[in-house]
């Protein structure tokens, strides 16, 4: 198994599919919680979009963050 080292990022921006109350939003908040638990970020924001393509575009415009795409 290979270890992946992650750096502390201060604020984590997670971009994903909306609307509010979806499992995508819950997964993004869960991810931020884990990042805080393991001291990878101090705070986090979830940015919701009407499509994954829109979330990608928001990420590219922000130039900092993570794109979370659900898989079933």
C-alpha atoms as a PDB file:
ATOM      1  CA  UNK A   1       0.000   0.000   0.000  1.00  0.00           C
ATOM      2  CA  UNK A   2       1.242   3.492  -0.836  1.00  0.00           C
ATOM      3  CA  UNK A   3       0.846   6.423   1.558  1.00  0.00           C
ATOM      4  CA  UNK A   4      -0.435   9.692   0.171  1.00  0.00           C
ATOM      5  CA  UNK A   5       0.748  12.788   2.015  1.00  0.00           C
ATOM      6  CA  UNK A   6      -1.635  15.724   2.024  1.00  0.00           C
ATOM      7  CA  UNK A   7      -0.711  19.233   3.078  1.00  0.00           C
ATOM      8  CA  UNK A   8      -2.751  21.490   5.339  1.00  0.00           C
ATOM      9  CA  UNK A   9      -4.755  23.815   3.083  1.00  0.00           C
ATOM     10  CA  UNK A  10      -6.306  26.268   5.555  1.00  0.00           C
ATOM     11  CA  UNK A  11      -9.686  26.527   3.850  1.00  0.00           C
ATOM     12  CA  UNK A  12     -11.123  23.694   1.745  1.00  0.00           C
ATOM     13  CA  UNK A  13     -13.516  24.530  -1.089  1.00  0.00           C
ATOM     14  CA  UNK A  14     -15.521  21.530  -2.291  1.00  0.00           C
ATOM     15  CA  UNK A  15     -17.504  21.898  -5.529  1.00  0.00           C
ATOM     16  CA  UNK A  16     -20.309  19.429  -6.281  1.00  0.00           C
ATOM     17  CA  UNK A  17     -23.818  18.900  -7.576  1.00  0.00           C
ATOM     18  CA  UNK A  18     -26.785  20.661  -5.936  1.00  0.00           C
ATOM     19  CA  UNK A  19     -29.425  21.472  -4.908  1.00  0.00           C
ATOM     20  CA  UNK A  20     -29.244  21.828  -1.136  1.00  0.00           C
ATOM     21  CA  UNK A  21     -30.093  18.719   0.839  1.00  0.00           C
ATOM     22  CA  UNK A  22     -28.764  16.190  -1.682  1.00  0.00           C
ATOM     23  CA  UNK A  23     -26.411  13.328  -0.912  1.00  0.00           C
ATOM     24  CA  UNK A  24     -23.715  15.204  -2.858  1.00  0.00           C
ATOM     25  CA  UNK A  25     -23.902  18.079  -0.374  1.00  0.00           C
ATOM     26  CA  UNK A  26     -23.861  15.633   2.544  1.00  0.00           C
ATOM     27  CA  UNK A  27     -20.799  13.857   1.108  1.00  0.00           C
ATOM     28  CA  UNK A  28     -19.000  17.190   0.639  1.00  0.00           C
ATOM     29  CA  UNK A  29     -19.702  18.209   4.241  1.00  0.00           C
ATOM     30  CA  UNK A  30     -18.582  14.756   5.431  1.00  0.00           C
ATOM     31  CA  UNK A  31     -15.319  15.122   3.474  1.00  0.00           C
ATOM     32  CA  UNK A  32     -14.665  18.552   4.997  1.00  0.00           C
ATOM     33  CA  UNK A  33     -15.349  17.092   8.450  1.00  0.00           C
ATOM     34  CA  UNK A  34     -12.728  14.384   7.895  1.00  0.00           C
ATOM     35  CA  UNK A  35     -10.252  16.946   6.600  1.00  0.00           C
ATOM     36  CA  UNK A  36     -10.775  18.986   9.769  1.00  0.00           C
ATOM     37  CA  UNK A  37     -10.521  15.899  11.971  1.00  0.00           C
ATOM     38  CA  UNK A  38      -7.119  15.049  10.490  1.00  0.00           C
ATOM     39  CA  UNK A  39      -5.926  18.688  10.557  1.00  0.00           C
ATOM     40  CA  UNK A  40      -5.883  19.030   6.764  1.00  0.00           C
ATOM     41  CA  UNK A  41      -8.009  22.196   6.864  1.00  0.00           C
ATOM     42  CA  UNK A  42      -9.318  24.681   9.408  1.00  0.00           C
ATOM     43  CA  UNK A  43     -12.601  25.418   7.651  1.00  0.00           C
ATOM     44  CA  UNK A  44     -14.452  24.425   4.527  1.00  0.00           C
ATOM     45  CA  UNK A  45     -17.099  25.600   2.098  1.00  0.00           C
ATOM     46  CA  UNK A  46     -19.435  23.607  -0.111  1.00  0.00           C
ATOM     47  CA  UNK A  47     -20.287  25.131  -3.491  1.00  0.00           C
ATOM     48  CA  UNK A  48     -23.331  23.624  -5.214  1.00  0.00           C
ATOM     49  CA  UNK A  49     -24.013  23.724  -8.931  1.00  0.00           C
ATOM     50  CA  UNK A  50     -26.835  22.627 -11.251  1.00  0.00           C
ATOM     51  CA  UNK A  51     -24.479  20.205 -13.055  1.00  0.00           C
ATOM     52  CA  UNK A  52     -21.096  18.566 -12.570  1.00  0.00           C
ATOM     53  CA  UNK A  53     -19.858  20.560 -15.539  1.00  0.00           C
ATOM     54  CA  UNK A  54     -20.962  23.734 -13.753  1.00  0.00           C
ATOM     55  CA  UNK A  55     -19.180  22.602 -10.590  1.00  0.00           C
ATOM     56  CA  UNK A  56     -16.031  21.996 -12.654  1.00  0.00           C
ATOM     57  CA  UNK A  57     -16.289  25.468 -14.145  1.00  0.00           C
ATOM     58  CA  UNK A  58     -16.700  26.991 -10.660  1.00  0.00           C
ATOM     59  CA  UNK A  59     -13.586  25.118  -9.528  1.00  0.00           C
ATOM     60  CA  UNK A  60     -11.574  26.301 -12.515  1.00  0.00           C
ATOM     61  CA  UNK A  61     -12.672  29.895 -11.902  1.00  0.00           C
ATOM     62  CA  UNK A  62     -11.719  29.627  -8.222  1.00  0.00           C
ATOM     63  CA  UNK A  63      -8.416  27.880  -9.101  1.00  0.00           C
ATOM     64  CA  UNK A  64      -8.431  26.218  -5.675  1.00  0.00           C
ATOM     65  CA  UNK A  65     -10.502  23.373  -4.314  1.00  0.00           C
ATOM     66  CA  UNK A  66     -11.804  19.866  -4.880  1.00  0.00           C
ATOM     67  CA  UNK A  67     -14.417  18.557  -7.297  1.00  0.00           C
ATOM     68  CA  UNK A  68     -16.600  15.877  -5.704  1.00  0.00           C
ATOM     69  CA  UNK A  69     -18.480  13.655  -8.160  1.00  0.00           C
ATOM     70  CA  UNK A  70     -20.874  11.010  -6.847  1.00  0.00           C
ATOM     71  CA  UNK A  71     -20.665   7.438  -8.084  1.00  0.00           C
ATOM     72  CA  UNK A  72     -23.435   4.896  -7.781  1.00  0.00           C
END
